[in-house]
């Protein structure tokens, strides 16, 4: 638990040391190896993270959704997008998958070009936890997709993006969650720059939110 707290506060290497100690004390605990994999992945040590995640799965393949999600996260960072998507699907079929797992799954789907399915996963995550800042932020930013079939689809997505930004502002003013800042920057409306429109008014709520 101390390692998890350190990881949440950004002290990744201290968390790694604690998780390593936990795996030495209980080497047959799959969740311990899963926690170490998550921390190593955050530190950019993807090869070691993959090894730890595989150990967790080998100990008990169906021990928890968290173990499967840890493996999927490492696969994603290793560029194995389709493999990560498949592993996240397995994680969601296990007991009590977290909201974070759904958000990470959505990110993998997005990178795999499955934008509508990604949006659905984000909506499901928010339905479970309406105060999840990362889920709310990603849902807004993910309205700006890389490809559209028609100009009408572009206009519809811009309207949805505007609505989501308004919802974000309303939510933040109501709850003032101190950790909400961490969501900003996890995803950006990158593809909106390629749309043949003036985006000043559409993006102004982002600037207002920063102020």
N, C-alpha and C. Protein backbone atom coordinates (compact mmCIF):
# COMPACT_ATOMS: atom_id res chain seq x y z
N UNK A 1 0.83 -1.20 0.00
CA UNK A 1 0.00 0.00 0.00
C UNK A 1 0.87 1.26 0.00
N UNK A 2 1.97 1.20 0.73
CA UNK A 2 2.88 2.35 0.72
C UNK A 2 3.46 2.55 -0.67
N UNK A 3 3.79 1.45 -1.34
CA UNK A 3 4.30 1.56 -2.70
C UNK A 3 3.28 2.19 -3.63
N UNK A 4 2.02 1.81 -3.47
CA UNK A 4 0.95 2.38 -4.30
C UNK A 4 0.82 3.88 -4.06
N UNK A 5 0.92 4.29 -2.80
CA UNK A 5 0.84 5.72 -2.47
C UNK A 5 2.01 6.49 -3.09
N UNK A 6 3.21 5.91 -2.99
CA UNK A 6 4.38 6.57 -3.58
C UNK A 6 4.25 6.67 -5.09
N UNK A 7 3.71 5.63 -5.71
CA UNK A 7 3.54 5.66 -7.16
C UNK A 7 2.54 6.75 -7.56
N UNK A 8 1.47 6.88 -6.78
CA UNK A 8 0.46 7.91 -7.07
C UNK A 8 1.01 9.32 -6.91
N UNK A 9 1.97 9.50 -6.02
CA UNK A 9 2.55 10.83 -5.80
C UNK A 9 3.76 11.10 -6.67
N UNK A 10 4.10 10.15 -7.55
CA UNK A 10 5.17 10.37 -8.51
C UNK A 10 6.54 9.88 -8.09
N UNK A 11 6.65 9.27 -6.90
CA UNK A 11 7.95 8.75 -6.44
C UNK A 11 8.10 7.31 -6.94
N UNK A 12 8.27 7.19 -8.24
CA UNK A 12 8.22 5.88 -8.89
C UNK A 12 9.31 4.94 -8.43
N UNK A 13 10.54 5.44 -8.31
CA UNK A 13 11.65 4.55 -7.97
C UNK A 13 11.57 4.06 -6.53
N UNK A 14 11.06 4.89 -5.63
CA UNK A 14 10.85 4.43 -4.25
C UNK A 14 9.76 3.35 -4.23
N UNK A 15 8.75 3.53 -5.06
CA UNK A 15 7.68 2.52 -5.15
C UNK A 15 8.24 1.21 -5.68
N UNK A 16 9.11 1.28 -6.67
CA UNK A 16 9.71 0.07 -7.24
C UNK A 16 10.47 -0.70 -6.15
N UNK A 17 11.23 0.01 -5.32
CA UNK A 17 11.99 -0.66 -4.26
C UNK A 17 11.06 -1.41 -3.31
N UNK A 18 9.94 -0.79 -2.96
CA UNK A 18 8.99 -1.43 -2.05
C UNK A 18 8.32 -2.63 -2.70
N UNK A 19 7.95 -2.49 -3.96
CA UNK A 19 7.31 -3.61 -4.65
C UNK A 19 8.29 -4.76 -4.85
N UNK A 20 9.56 -4.43 -5.10
CA UNK A 20 10.58 -5.49 -5.20
C UNK A 20 10.69 -6.24 -3.88
N UNK A 21 10.68 -5.50 -2.78
CA UNK A 21 10.75 -6.12 -1.46
C UNK A 21 9.54 -7.02 -1.23
N UNK A 22 8.38 -6.57 -1.68
CA UNK A 22 7.15 -7.36 -1.50
C UNK A 22 7.23 -8.68 -2.26
N UNK A 23 7.81 -8.64 -3.46
CA UNK A 23 7.91 -9.89 -4.25
C UNK A 23 8.93 -10.84 -3.64
N UNK A 24 9.92 -10.31 -2.94
CA UNK A 24 10.90 -11.18 -2.26
C UNK A 24 10.25 -11.85 -1.04
N UNK A 25 9.39 -11.10 -0.35
CA UNK A 25 8.72 -11.65 0.83
C UNK A 25 7.67 -12.68 0.44
N UNK A 26 6.91 -12.36 -0.61
CA UNK A 26 5.85 -13.28 -1.07
C UNK A 26 5.99 -13.50 -2.58
N UNK A 27 6.92 -14.33 -2.98
CA UNK A 27 7.19 -14.52 -4.42
C UNK A 27 6.06 -15.21 -5.18
N UNK A 28 5.11 -15.80 -4.48
CA UNK A 28 3.99 -16.47 -5.15
C UNK A 28 2.74 -15.61 -5.18
N UNK A 29 2.88 -14.34 -4.82
CA UNK A 29 1.73 -13.43 -4.85
C UNK A 29 1.68 -12.74 -6.22
N UNK A 30 0.70 -13.09 -7.03
CA UNK A 30 0.59 -12.54 -8.39
C UNK A 30 0.39 -11.04 -8.37
N UNK A 31 -0.40 -10.54 -7.42
CA UNK A 31 -0.66 -9.09 -7.37
C UNK A 31 0.61 -8.31 -7.08
N UNK A 32 1.51 -8.90 -6.29
CA UNK A 32 2.78 -8.23 -6.01
C UNK A 32 3.61 -8.02 -7.27
N UNK A 33 3.69 -9.08 -8.09
CA UNK A 33 4.41 -8.95 -9.36
C UNK A 33 3.69 -7.99 -10.30
N UNK A 34 2.36 -7.98 -10.25
CA UNK A 34 1.61 -7.04 -11.07
C UNK A 34 1.88 -5.60 -10.69
N UNK A 35 1.95 -5.34 -9.37
CA UNK A 35 2.26 -3.99 -8.90
C UNK A 35 3.65 -3.55 -9.33
N UNK A 36 4.59 -4.47 -9.24
CA UNK A 36 5.96 -4.15 -9.67
C UNK A 36 6.00 -3.87 -11.16
N UNK A 37 5.23 -4.63 -11.94
CA UNK A 37 5.17 -4.39 -13.39
C UNK A 37 4.64 -3.00 -13.70
N UNK A 38 3.61 -2.58 -12.99
CA UNK A 38 3.03 -1.25 -13.21
C UNK A 38 4.06 -0.17 -12.90
N UNK A 39 4.77 -0.31 -11.79
CA UNK A 39 5.76 0.70 -11.41
C UNK A 39 6.92 0.75 -12.41
N UNK A 40 7.40 -0.42 -12.81
CA UNK A 40 8.49 -0.46 -13.78
C UNK A 40 8.06 0.12 -15.13
N UNK A 41 6.83 -0.13 -15.50
CA UNK A 41 6.31 0.43 -16.75
C UNK A 41 6.28 1.95 -16.68
N UNK A 42 5.89 2.48 -15.52
CA UNK A 42 5.86 3.94 -15.33
C UNK A 42 7.25 4.54 -15.42
N UNK A 43 8.25 3.76 -15.02
CA UNK A 43 9.63 4.24 -15.06
C UNK A 43 10.28 4.04 -16.42
N UNK A 44 9.55 3.45 -17.36
CA UNK A 44 10.09 3.22 -18.69
C UNK A 44 10.92 1.96 -18.82
N UNK A 45 10.91 1.12 -17.78
CA UNK A 45 11.66 -0.13 -17.82
C UNK A 45 10.75 -1.24 -18.34
N UNK A 46 10.43 -1.16 -19.63
CA UNK A 46 9.39 -2.00 -20.20
C UNK A 46 9.76 -3.48 -20.27
N UNK A 47 11.03 -3.78 -20.50
CA UNK A 47 11.45 -5.18 -20.59
C UNK A 47 11.27 -5.87 -19.24
N UNK A 48 11.74 -5.23 -18.18
CA UNK A 48 11.57 -5.80 -16.84
C UNK A 48 10.09 -5.86 -16.46
N UNK A 49 9.36 -4.82 -16.84
CA UNK A 49 7.93 -4.78 -16.53
C UNK A 49 7.21 -5.95 -17.19
N UNK A 50 7.54 -6.23 -18.44
CA UNK A 50 6.90 -7.34 -19.15
C UNK A 50 7.23 -8.67 -18.48
N UNK A 51 8.47 -8.81 -18.04
CA UNK A 51 8.87 -10.04 -17.35
C UNK A 51 8.06 -10.22 -16.06
N UNK A 52 7.90 -9.15 -15.29
CA UNK A 52 7.14 -9.22 -14.03
C UNK A 52 5.66 -9.49 -14.29
N UNK A 53 5.11 -8.85 -15.31
CA UNK A 53 3.70 -9.07 -15.63
C UNK A 53 3.46 -10.51 -16.06
N UNK A 54 4.39 -11.06 -16.83
CA UNK A 54 4.26 -12.46 -17.25
C UNK A 54 4.38 -13.41 -16.06
N UNK A 55 5.22 -13.06 -15.09
CA UNK A 55 5.33 -13.86 -13.87
C UNK A 55 4.01 -13.85 -13.12
N UNK A 56 3.38 -12.67 -13.04
CA UNK A 56 2.10 -12.56 -12.34
C UNK A 56 1.05 -13.45 -12.98
N UNK A 57 0.99 -13.43 -14.30
CA UNK A 57 0.01 -14.24 -15.02
C UNK A 57 0.34 -15.72 -14.88
N UNK A 58 1.63 -16.06 -14.90
CA UNK A 58 2.03 -17.47 -14.78
C UNK A 58 1.67 -18.04 -13.41
N UNK A 59 1.76 -17.21 -12.38
CA UNK A 59 1.41 -17.67 -11.03
C UNK A 59 -0.06 -17.99 -10.94
N UNK A 60 -0.88 -17.07 -11.48
CA UNK A 60 -2.33 -17.29 -11.41
C UNK A 60 -2.97 -16.44 -12.50
N UNK A 61 -3.24 -17.03 -13.62
CA UNK A 61 -3.71 -16.30 -14.80
C UNK A 61 -4.98 -15.53 -14.53
N UNK A 62 -5.84 -16.05 -13.63
CA UNK A 62 -7.12 -15.39 -13.39
C UNK A 62 -7.21 -14.86 -11.96
N UNK A 63 -6.06 -14.41 -11.41
CA UNK A 63 -6.06 -13.96 -10.03
C UNK A 63 -6.85 -12.67 -9.85
N UNK A 64 -6.72 -11.76 -10.78
CA UNK A 64 -7.45 -10.50 -10.67
C UNK A 64 -7.39 -9.75 -11.99
N UNK A 65 -8.34 -8.83 -12.14
CA UNK A 65 -8.33 -7.97 -13.32
C UNK A 65 -7.09 -7.09 -13.32
N UNK A 66 -6.61 -6.72 -12.12
CA UNK A 66 -5.45 -5.83 -12.02
C UNK A 66 -4.21 -6.47 -12.62
N UNK A 67 -4.03 -7.77 -12.41
CA UNK A 67 -2.86 -8.46 -12.97
C UNK A 67 -2.92 -8.46 -14.49
N UNK A 68 -4.07 -8.80 -15.04
CA UNK A 68 -4.22 -8.80 -16.50
C UNK A 68 -4.04 -7.40 -17.07
N UNK A 69 -4.58 -6.40 -16.36
CA UNK A 69 -4.44 -5.00 -16.82
C UNK A 69 -2.99 -4.55 -16.79
N UNK A 70 -2.24 -5.02 -15.78
CA UNK A 70 -0.81 -4.67 -15.71
C UNK A 70 -0.07 -5.23 -16.92
N UNK A 71 -0.38 -6.46 -17.29
CA UNK A 71 0.24 -7.06 -18.48
C UNK A 71 -0.15 -6.29 -19.73
N UNK A 72 -1.42 -5.93 -19.84
CA UNK A 72 -1.89 -5.19 -21.02
C UNK A 72 -1.19 -3.83 -21.13
N UNK A 73 -0.98 -3.17 -20.00
CA UNK A 73 -0.32 -1.86 -20.02
C UNK A 73 1.10 -1.96 -20.54
N UNK A 74 1.80 -3.02 -20.12
CA UNK A 74 3.17 -3.22 -20.60
C UNK A 74 3.18 -3.55 -22.08
N UNK A 75 2.25 -4.38 -22.50
CA UNK A 75 2.15 -4.73 -23.93
C UNK A 75 1.89 -3.48 -24.77
N UNK A 76 1.05 -2.61 -24.26
CA UNK A 76 0.74 -1.37 -24.97
C UNK A 76 1.99 -0.51 -25.12
N UNK A 77 2.73 -0.34 -24.03
CA UNK A 77 3.94 0.49 -24.09
C UNK A 77 5.01 -0.13 -24.97
N UNK A 78 4.94 -1.44 -25.14
CA UNK A 78 5.90 -2.15 -25.99
C UNK A 78 5.49 -2.10 -27.46
N UNK A 79 4.36 -1.43 -27.74
CA UNK A 79 3.90 -1.30 -29.11
C UNK A 79 3.04 -2.44 -29.61
N UNK A 80 2.68 -3.36 -28.70
CA UNK A 80 1.84 -4.50 -29.08
C UNK A 80 0.37 -4.13 -28.88
N UNK A 81 -0.12 -3.23 -29.72
CA UNK A 81 -1.45 -2.65 -29.52
C UNK A 81 -2.55 -3.71 -29.55
N UNK A 82 -2.57 -4.53 -30.57
CA UNK A 82 -3.62 -5.53 -30.70
C UNK A 82 -3.56 -6.57 -29.57
N UNK A 83 -2.35 -6.93 -29.18
CA UNK A 83 -2.19 -7.87 -28.07
C UNK A 83 -2.71 -7.24 -26.78
N UNK A 84 -2.40 -5.96 -26.58
CA UNK A 84 -2.87 -5.25 -25.39
C UNK A 84 -4.39 -5.18 -25.36
N UNK A 85 -4.99 -4.91 -26.51
CA UNK A 85 -6.46 -4.85 -26.59
C UNK A 85 -7.06 -6.19 -26.17
N UNK A 86 -6.49 -7.28 -26.66
CA UNK A 86 -6.99 -8.62 -26.31
C UNK A 86 -6.84 -8.88 -24.81
N UNK A 87 -5.73 -8.46 -24.23
CA UNK A 87 -5.49 -8.69 -22.80
C UNK A 87 -6.43 -7.83 -21.96
N UNK A 88 -6.67 -6.59 -22.39
CA UNK A 88 -7.63 -5.75 -21.67
C UNK A 88 -9.02 -6.36 -21.71
N UNK A 89 -9.39 -6.97 -22.82
CA UNK A 89 -10.70 -7.63 -22.90
C UNK A 89 -10.79 -8.76 -21.86
N UNK A 90 -9.70 -9.49 -21.70
CA UNK A 90 -9.67 -10.54 -20.69
C UNK A 90 -9.81 -9.93 -19.30
N UNK A 91 -9.12 -8.82 -19.06
CA UNK A 91 -9.17 -8.17 -17.75
C UNK A 91 -10.58 -7.75 -17.40
N UNK A 92 -11.31 -7.23 -18.39
CA UNK A 92 -12.67 -6.77 -18.14
C UNK A 92 -13.62 -7.94 -17.87
N UNK A 93 -13.23 -9.13 -18.26
CA UNK A 93 -14.05 -10.30 -17.99
C UNK A 93 -13.80 -10.92 -16.62
N UNK A 94 -12.80 -10.39 -15.90
CA UNK A 94 -12.48 -10.89 -14.57
C UNK A 94 -13.20 -10.08 -13.50
N UNK A 95 -12.99 -10.45 -12.25
CA UNK A 95 -13.73 -9.84 -11.15
C UNK A 95 -13.27 -8.41 -10.88
N UNK A 96 -14.25 -7.51 -10.81
CA UNK A 96 -14.04 -6.11 -10.39
C UNK A 96 -12.95 -5.36 -11.16
N UNK A 97 -13.04 -5.26 -12.47
CA UNK A 97 -12.07 -4.42 -13.18
C UNK A 97 -12.25 -2.96 -12.78
N UNK A 98 -11.16 -2.24 -12.65
CA UNK A 98 -11.23 -0.86 -12.18
C UNK A 98 -11.65 0.10 -13.31
N UNK A 99 -12.04 1.28 -12.91
CA UNK A 99 -12.36 2.33 -13.88
C UNK A 99 -11.10 2.67 -14.69
N UNK A 100 -9.94 2.66 -14.00
CA UNK A 100 -8.68 2.94 -14.70
C UNK A 100 -8.41 1.91 -15.79
N UNK A 101 -8.79 0.65 -15.54
CA UNK A 101 -8.61 -0.38 -16.56
C UNK A 101 -9.44 -0.06 -17.78
N UNK A 102 -10.68 0.37 -17.58
CA UNK A 102 -11.53 0.73 -18.72
C UNK A 102 -10.95 1.93 -19.48
N UNK A 103 -10.42 2.91 -18.75
CA UNK A 103 -9.83 4.08 -19.42
C UNK A 103 -8.59 3.68 -20.22
N UNK A 104 -7.79 2.80 -19.66
CA UNK A 104 -6.59 2.35 -20.37
C UNK A 104 -6.97 1.50 -21.58
N UNK A 105 -8.00 0.69 -21.41
CA UNK A 105 -8.51 -0.10 -22.53
C UNK A 105 -8.98 0.82 -23.65
N UNK A 106 -9.68 1.89 -23.27
CA UNK A 106 -10.15 2.86 -24.26
C UNK A 106 -8.99 3.48 -25.01
N UNK A 107 -7.91 3.76 -24.30
CA UNK A 107 -6.74 4.35 -24.95
C UNK A 107 -6.13 3.39 -25.96
N UNK A 108 -6.09 2.10 -25.61
CA UNK A 108 -5.57 1.10 -26.54
C UNK A 108 -6.46 0.98 -27.77
N UNK A 109 -7.78 0.98 -27.54
CA UNK A 109 -8.72 0.92 -28.66
C UNK A 109 -8.54 2.12 -29.58
N UNK A 110 -8.36 3.29 -28.99
CA UNK A 110 -8.17 4.51 -29.77
C UNK A 110 -6.93 4.40 -30.65
N UNK A 111 -5.83 3.97 -30.05
CA UNK A 111 -4.59 3.83 -30.80
C UNK A 111 -4.70 2.74 -31.85
N UNK A 112 -5.60 1.79 -31.65
CA UNK A 112 -5.82 0.74 -32.63
C UNK A 112 -6.83 1.13 -33.69
N UNK A 113 -7.29 2.37 -33.68
CA UNK A 113 -8.22 2.87 -34.68
C UNK A 113 -9.68 2.54 -34.43
N UNK A 114 -10.01 2.04 -33.24
CA UNK A 114 -11.39 1.68 -32.91
C UNK A 114 -12.01 2.79 -32.05
N UNK A 115 -12.20 3.92 -32.66
CA UNK A 115 -12.57 5.13 -31.92
C UNK A 115 -13.94 5.03 -31.26
N UNK A 116 -14.92 4.50 -31.95
CA UNK A 116 -16.27 4.42 -31.38
C UNK A 116 -16.30 3.47 -30.19
N UNK A 117 -15.59 2.37 -30.28
CA UNK A 117 -15.54 1.44 -29.15
C UNK A 117 -14.81 2.07 -27.97
N UNK A 118 -13.79 2.88 -28.28
CA UNK A 118 -13.07 3.59 -27.22
C UNK A 118 -14.00 4.54 -26.49
N UNK A 119 -14.80 5.28 -27.23
CA UNK A 119 -15.75 6.20 -26.62
C UNK A 119 -16.75 5.46 -25.74
N UNK A 120 -17.19 4.30 -26.18
CA UNK A 120 -18.14 3.51 -25.39
C UNK A 120 -17.51 3.07 -24.07
N UNK A 121 -16.26 2.66 -24.10
CA UNK A 121 -15.59 2.26 -22.87
C UNK A 121 -15.44 3.44 -21.90
N UNK A 122 -15.16 4.62 -22.43
CA UNK A 122 -15.05 5.80 -21.58
C UNK A 122 -16.40 6.15 -20.96
N UNK A 123 -17.47 6.01 -21.73
CA UNK A 123 -18.81 6.27 -21.17
C UNK A 123 -19.13 5.28 -20.06
N UNK A 124 -18.74 4.02 -20.24
CA UNK A 124 -18.96 3.01 -19.21
C UNK A 124 -18.16 3.34 -17.96
N UNK A 125 -16.93 3.81 -18.14
CA UNK A 125 -16.09 4.18 -17.00
C UNK A 125 -16.72 5.31 -16.21
N UNK A 126 -17.25 6.31 -16.92
CA UNK A 126 -17.87 7.46 -16.26
C UNK A 126 -19.18 7.07 -15.59
N UNK A 127 -19.88 6.12 -16.18
CA UNK A 127 -21.12 5.64 -15.56
C UNK A 127 -20.84 4.98 -14.21
N UNK A 128 -19.66 4.34 -14.10
CA UNK A 128 -19.25 3.71 -12.84
C UNK A 128 -18.78 4.76 -11.84
N UNK A 129 -17.99 5.71 -12.31
CA UNK A 129 -17.43 6.76 -11.45
C UNK A 129 -17.52 8.10 -12.17
N UNK A 130 -18.58 8.83 -11.88
CA UNK A 130 -18.80 10.11 -12.55
C UNK A 130 -17.82 11.20 -12.16
N UNK A 131 -16.95 10.93 -11.17
CA UNK A 131 -15.96 11.92 -10.76
C UNK A 131 -14.55 11.52 -11.17
N UNK A 132 -14.44 10.59 -12.11
CA UNK A 132 -13.13 10.18 -12.59
C UNK A 132 -12.62 11.21 -13.59
N UNK A 133 -11.66 12.01 -13.15
CA UNK A 133 -11.19 13.14 -13.96
C UNK A 133 -10.58 12.69 -15.28
N UNK A 134 -9.79 11.63 -15.24
CA UNK A 134 -9.14 11.17 -16.48
C UNK A 134 -10.18 10.68 -17.47
N UNK A 135 -11.18 9.94 -16.98
CA UNK A 135 -12.23 9.47 -17.87
C UNK A 135 -13.00 10.60 -18.51
N UNK A 136 -13.36 11.60 -17.72
CA UNK A 136 -14.10 12.76 -18.23
C UNK A 136 -13.28 13.53 -19.25
N UNK A 137 -12.00 13.72 -18.94
CA UNK A 137 -11.11 14.45 -19.85
C UNK A 137 -10.93 13.69 -21.16
N UNK A 138 -10.64 12.39 -21.05
CA UNK A 138 -10.42 11.59 -22.25
C UNK A 138 -11.67 11.53 -23.12
N UNK A 139 -12.84 11.47 -22.49
CA UNK A 139 -14.08 11.43 -23.27
C UNK A 139 -14.22 12.69 -24.11
N UNK A 140 -13.88 13.83 -23.53
CA UNK A 140 -13.95 15.09 -24.27
C UNK A 140 -12.94 15.12 -25.41
N UNK A 141 -11.68 14.82 -25.10
CA UNK A 141 -10.62 14.91 -26.10
C UNK A 141 -10.81 13.89 -27.23
N UNK A 142 -11.41 12.75 -26.90
CA UNK A 142 -11.56 11.67 -27.88
C UNK A 142 -12.68 11.92 -28.88
N UNK A 143 -13.42 13.01 -28.70
CA UNK A 143 -14.43 13.35 -29.70
C UNK A 143 -13.77 13.78 -31.01
N UNK A 144 -12.51 14.22 -30.95
CA UNK A 144 -11.78 14.68 -32.14
C UNK A 144 -11.03 13.49 -32.74
N UNK A 145 -11.63 12.88 -33.72
CA UNK A 145 -11.09 11.65 -34.27
C UNK A 145 -10.18 11.91 -35.48
N UNK A 146 -9.32 10.96 -35.81
CA UNK A 146 -8.39 11.17 -36.92
C UNK A 146 -9.03 11.06 -38.30
N UNK A 147 -10.12 10.28 -38.42
CA UNK A 147 -10.73 10.07 -39.73
C UNK A 147 -12.25 10.18 -39.62
N UNK A 148 -12.86 10.69 -40.69
CA UNK A 148 -14.31 10.80 -40.76
C UNK A 148 -14.78 10.38 -42.15
N UNK A 149 -15.99 9.88 -42.21
CA UNK A 149 -16.56 9.46 -43.49
C UNK A 149 -17.16 10.63 -44.25
N UNK A 150 -17.78 11.57 -43.52
CA UNK A 150 -18.46 12.69 -44.16
C UNK A 150 -18.19 13.97 -43.38
N UNK A 151 -18.48 15.09 -44.01
CA UNK A 151 -18.34 16.38 -43.34
C UNK A 151 -19.34 16.50 -42.20
N UNK A 152 -20.50 15.87 -42.36
CA UNK A 152 -21.50 15.87 -41.29
C UNK A 152 -20.95 15.22 -40.03
N UNK A 153 -20.17 14.16 -40.20
CA UNK A 153 -19.56 13.48 -39.06
C UNK A 153 -18.58 14.41 -38.34
N UNK A 154 -17.85 15.21 -39.10
CA UNK A 154 -16.92 16.17 -38.49
C UNK A 154 -17.70 17.17 -37.65
N UNK A 155 -18.76 17.73 -38.23
CA UNK A 155 -19.55 18.73 -37.52
C UNK A 155 -20.19 18.14 -36.26
N UNK A 156 -20.63 16.89 -36.36
CA UNK A 156 -21.24 16.24 -35.20
C UNK A 156 -20.21 16.06 -34.08
N UNK A 157 -19.01 15.68 -34.45
CA UNK A 157 -17.98 15.47 -33.43
C UNK A 157 -17.57 16.79 -32.78
N UNK A 158 -17.57 17.86 -33.55
CA UNK A 158 -17.23 19.17 -32.98
C UNK A 158 -18.30 19.61 -31.98
N UNK A 159 -19.55 19.32 -32.30
CA UNK A 159 -20.62 19.63 -31.36
C UNK A 159 -20.49 18.81 -30.08
N UNK A 160 -20.14 17.52 -30.23
CA UNK A 160 -19.97 16.66 -29.06
C UNK A 160 -18.77 17.12 -28.23
N UNK A 161 -17.71 17.56 -28.89
CA UNK A 161 -16.52 18.06 -28.20
C UNK A 161 -16.88 19.30 -27.37
N UNK A 162 -17.64 20.22 -27.96
CA UNK A 162 -18.06 21.42 -27.26
C UNK A 162 -18.91 21.08 -26.04
N UNK A 163 -19.84 20.15 -26.20
CA UNK A 163 -20.68 19.73 -25.08
C UNK A 163 -19.86 19.13 -23.96
N UNK A 164 -18.90 18.28 -24.31
CA UNK A 164 -18.06 17.65 -23.30
C UNK A 164 -17.21 18.67 -22.55
N UNK A 165 -16.70 19.68 -23.26
CA UNK A 165 -15.93 20.73 -22.59
C UNK A 165 -16.81 21.49 -21.60
N UNK A 166 -18.03 21.78 -21.99
CA UNK A 166 -18.96 22.46 -21.08
C UNK A 166 -19.25 21.59 -19.86
N UNK A 167 -19.42 20.29 -20.10
CA UNK A 167 -19.67 19.37 -18.99
C UNK A 167 -18.47 19.33 -18.05
N UNK A 168 -17.26 19.36 -18.62
CA UNK A 168 -16.05 19.36 -17.80
C UNK A 168 -16.00 20.59 -16.91
N UNK A 169 -16.29 21.76 -17.49
CA UNK A 169 -16.27 22.99 -16.71
C UNK A 169 -17.30 22.94 -15.58
N UNK A 170 -18.50 22.50 -15.90
CA UNK A 170 -19.56 22.40 -14.89
C UNK A 170 -19.16 21.44 -13.78
N UNK A 171 -18.61 20.29 -14.17
CA UNK A 171 -18.19 19.29 -13.19
C UNK A 171 -17.11 19.83 -12.27
N UNK A 172 -16.09 20.48 -12.85
CA UNK A 172 -14.98 20.94 -12.03
C UNK A 172 -15.42 22.05 -11.07
N UNK A 173 -16.25 22.95 -11.54
CA UNK A 173 -16.72 24.02 -10.66
C UNK A 173 -17.56 23.48 -9.51
N UNK A 174 -18.21 22.33 -9.75
CA UNK A 174 -19.08 21.75 -8.71
C UNK A 174 -18.28 20.96 -7.68
N UNK A 175 -17.27 20.21 -8.13
CA UNK A 175 -16.59 19.30 -7.20
C UNK A 175 -15.21 19.78 -6.76
N UNK A 176 -14.53 20.56 -7.62
CA UNK A 176 -13.20 21.08 -7.29
C UNK A 176 -12.26 19.99 -6.80
N UNK A 177 -12.20 18.90 -7.53
CA UNK A 177 -11.32 17.80 -7.14
C UNK A 177 -9.86 18.21 -7.31
N UNK A 178 -9.05 18.17 -6.24
CA UNK A 178 -7.67 18.65 -6.34
C UNK A 178 -6.80 17.85 -7.30
N UNK A 179 -7.16 16.56 -7.54
CA UNK A 179 -6.34 15.74 -8.42
C UNK A 179 -6.70 15.89 -9.89
N UNK A 180 -7.70 16.75 -10.17
CA UNK A 180 -8.17 16.87 -11.55
C UNK A 180 -7.09 17.38 -12.50
N UNK A 181 -6.14 18.16 -11.97
CA UNK A 181 -5.09 18.70 -12.83
C UNK A 181 -4.30 17.60 -13.53
N UNK A 182 -4.21 16.43 -12.88
CA UNK A 182 -3.40 15.34 -13.45
C UNK A 182 -3.98 14.82 -14.75
N UNK A 183 -5.27 15.04 -14.97
CA UNK A 183 -5.90 14.55 -16.20
C UNK A 183 -5.52 15.41 -17.40
N UNK A 184 -5.27 16.69 -17.14
CA UNK A 184 -4.95 17.61 -18.24
C UNK A 184 -3.59 17.23 -18.83
N UNK A 185 -3.58 17.00 -20.11
CA UNK A 185 -2.34 16.61 -20.77
C UNK A 185 -2.25 15.12 -21.04
N UNK A 186 -3.12 14.30 -20.40
CA UNK A 186 -3.09 12.87 -20.71
C UNK A 186 -3.50 12.62 -22.15
N UNK A 187 -4.35 13.50 -22.68
CA UNK A 187 -4.79 13.42 -24.07
C UNK A 187 -5.04 14.84 -24.54
N UNK A 188 -4.78 15.11 -25.80
CA UNK A 188 -5.02 16.44 -26.36
C UNK A 188 -5.88 16.32 -27.63
N UNK A 189 -6.63 17.37 -27.98
CA UNK A 189 -7.45 17.32 -29.20
C UNK A 189 -6.61 17.57 -30.45
N UNK A 190 -5.62 16.73 -30.64
CA UNK A 190 -4.60 16.92 -31.68
C UNK A 190 -5.21 17.02 -33.08
N UNK A 191 -6.15 16.13 -33.37
CA UNK A 191 -6.64 16.02 -34.75
C UNK A 191 -7.57 17.16 -35.16
N UNK A 192 -7.99 17.96 -34.20
CA UNK A 192 -8.88 19.07 -34.54
C UNK A 192 -8.16 20.10 -35.42
N UNK A 193 -6.83 20.12 -35.32
CA UNK A 193 -6.05 21.07 -36.12
C UNK A 193 -6.14 20.76 -37.61
N UNK A 194 -6.53 19.53 -37.96
CA UNK A 194 -6.62 19.13 -39.37
C UNK A 194 -8.01 19.33 -39.95
N UNK A 195 -8.91 19.85 -39.14
CA UNK A 195 -10.26 20.11 -39.64
C UNK A 195 -10.32 21.49 -40.27
N UNK A 196 -11.03 21.65 -41.39
CA UNK A 196 -11.02 22.91 -42.14
C UNK A 196 -11.92 23.98 -41.54
N UNK A 197 -11.70 24.29 -40.26
CA UNK A 197 -12.52 25.28 -39.57
C UNK A 197 -11.64 26.15 -38.68
N UNK A 198 -12.18 27.31 -38.30
CA UNK A 198 -11.54 28.16 -37.31
C UNK A 198 -11.87 27.58 -35.93
N UNK A 199 -10.85 27.19 -35.17
CA UNK A 199 -11.07 26.49 -33.91
C UNK A 199 -10.98 27.40 -32.68
N UNK A 200 -10.83 28.71 -32.90
CA UNK A 200 -10.61 29.60 -31.76
C UNK A 200 -11.74 29.52 -30.75
N UNK A 201 -12.97 29.69 -31.20
CA UNK A 201 -14.10 29.69 -30.27
C UNK A 201 -14.31 28.31 -29.65
N UNK A 202 -14.10 27.27 -30.44
CA UNK A 202 -14.33 25.91 -29.95
C UNK A 202 -13.35 25.57 -28.82
N UNK A 203 -12.10 26.03 -28.94
CA UNK A 203 -11.08 25.69 -27.97
C UNK A 203 -10.99 26.70 -26.82
N UNK A 204 -11.71 27.79 -26.89
CA UNK A 204 -11.60 28.83 -25.85
C UNK A 204 -11.94 28.31 -24.45
N UNK A 205 -12.88 27.36 -24.27
CA UNK A 205 -13.13 26.86 -22.91
C UNK A 205 -11.90 26.21 -22.27
N UNK A 206 -11.00 25.65 -23.09
CA UNK A 206 -9.77 25.08 -22.54
C UNK A 206 -8.92 26.18 -21.92
N UNK A 207 -8.81 27.29 -22.60
CA UNK A 207 -8.03 28.42 -22.09
C UNK A 207 -8.68 28.99 -20.84
N UNK A 208 -9.99 29.10 -20.84
CA UNK A 208 -10.71 29.61 -19.67
C UNK A 208 -10.51 28.70 -18.48
N UNK A 209 -10.47 27.38 -18.77
CA UNK A 209 -10.28 26.42 -17.69
C UNK A 209 -8.92 26.57 -17.05
N UNK A 210 -7.88 26.86 -17.84
CA UNK A 210 -6.54 27.05 -17.32
C UNK A 210 -6.48 28.29 -16.45
N UNK A 211 -7.16 29.34 -16.88
CA UNK A 211 -7.16 30.57 -16.11
C UNK A 211 -7.90 30.39 -14.79
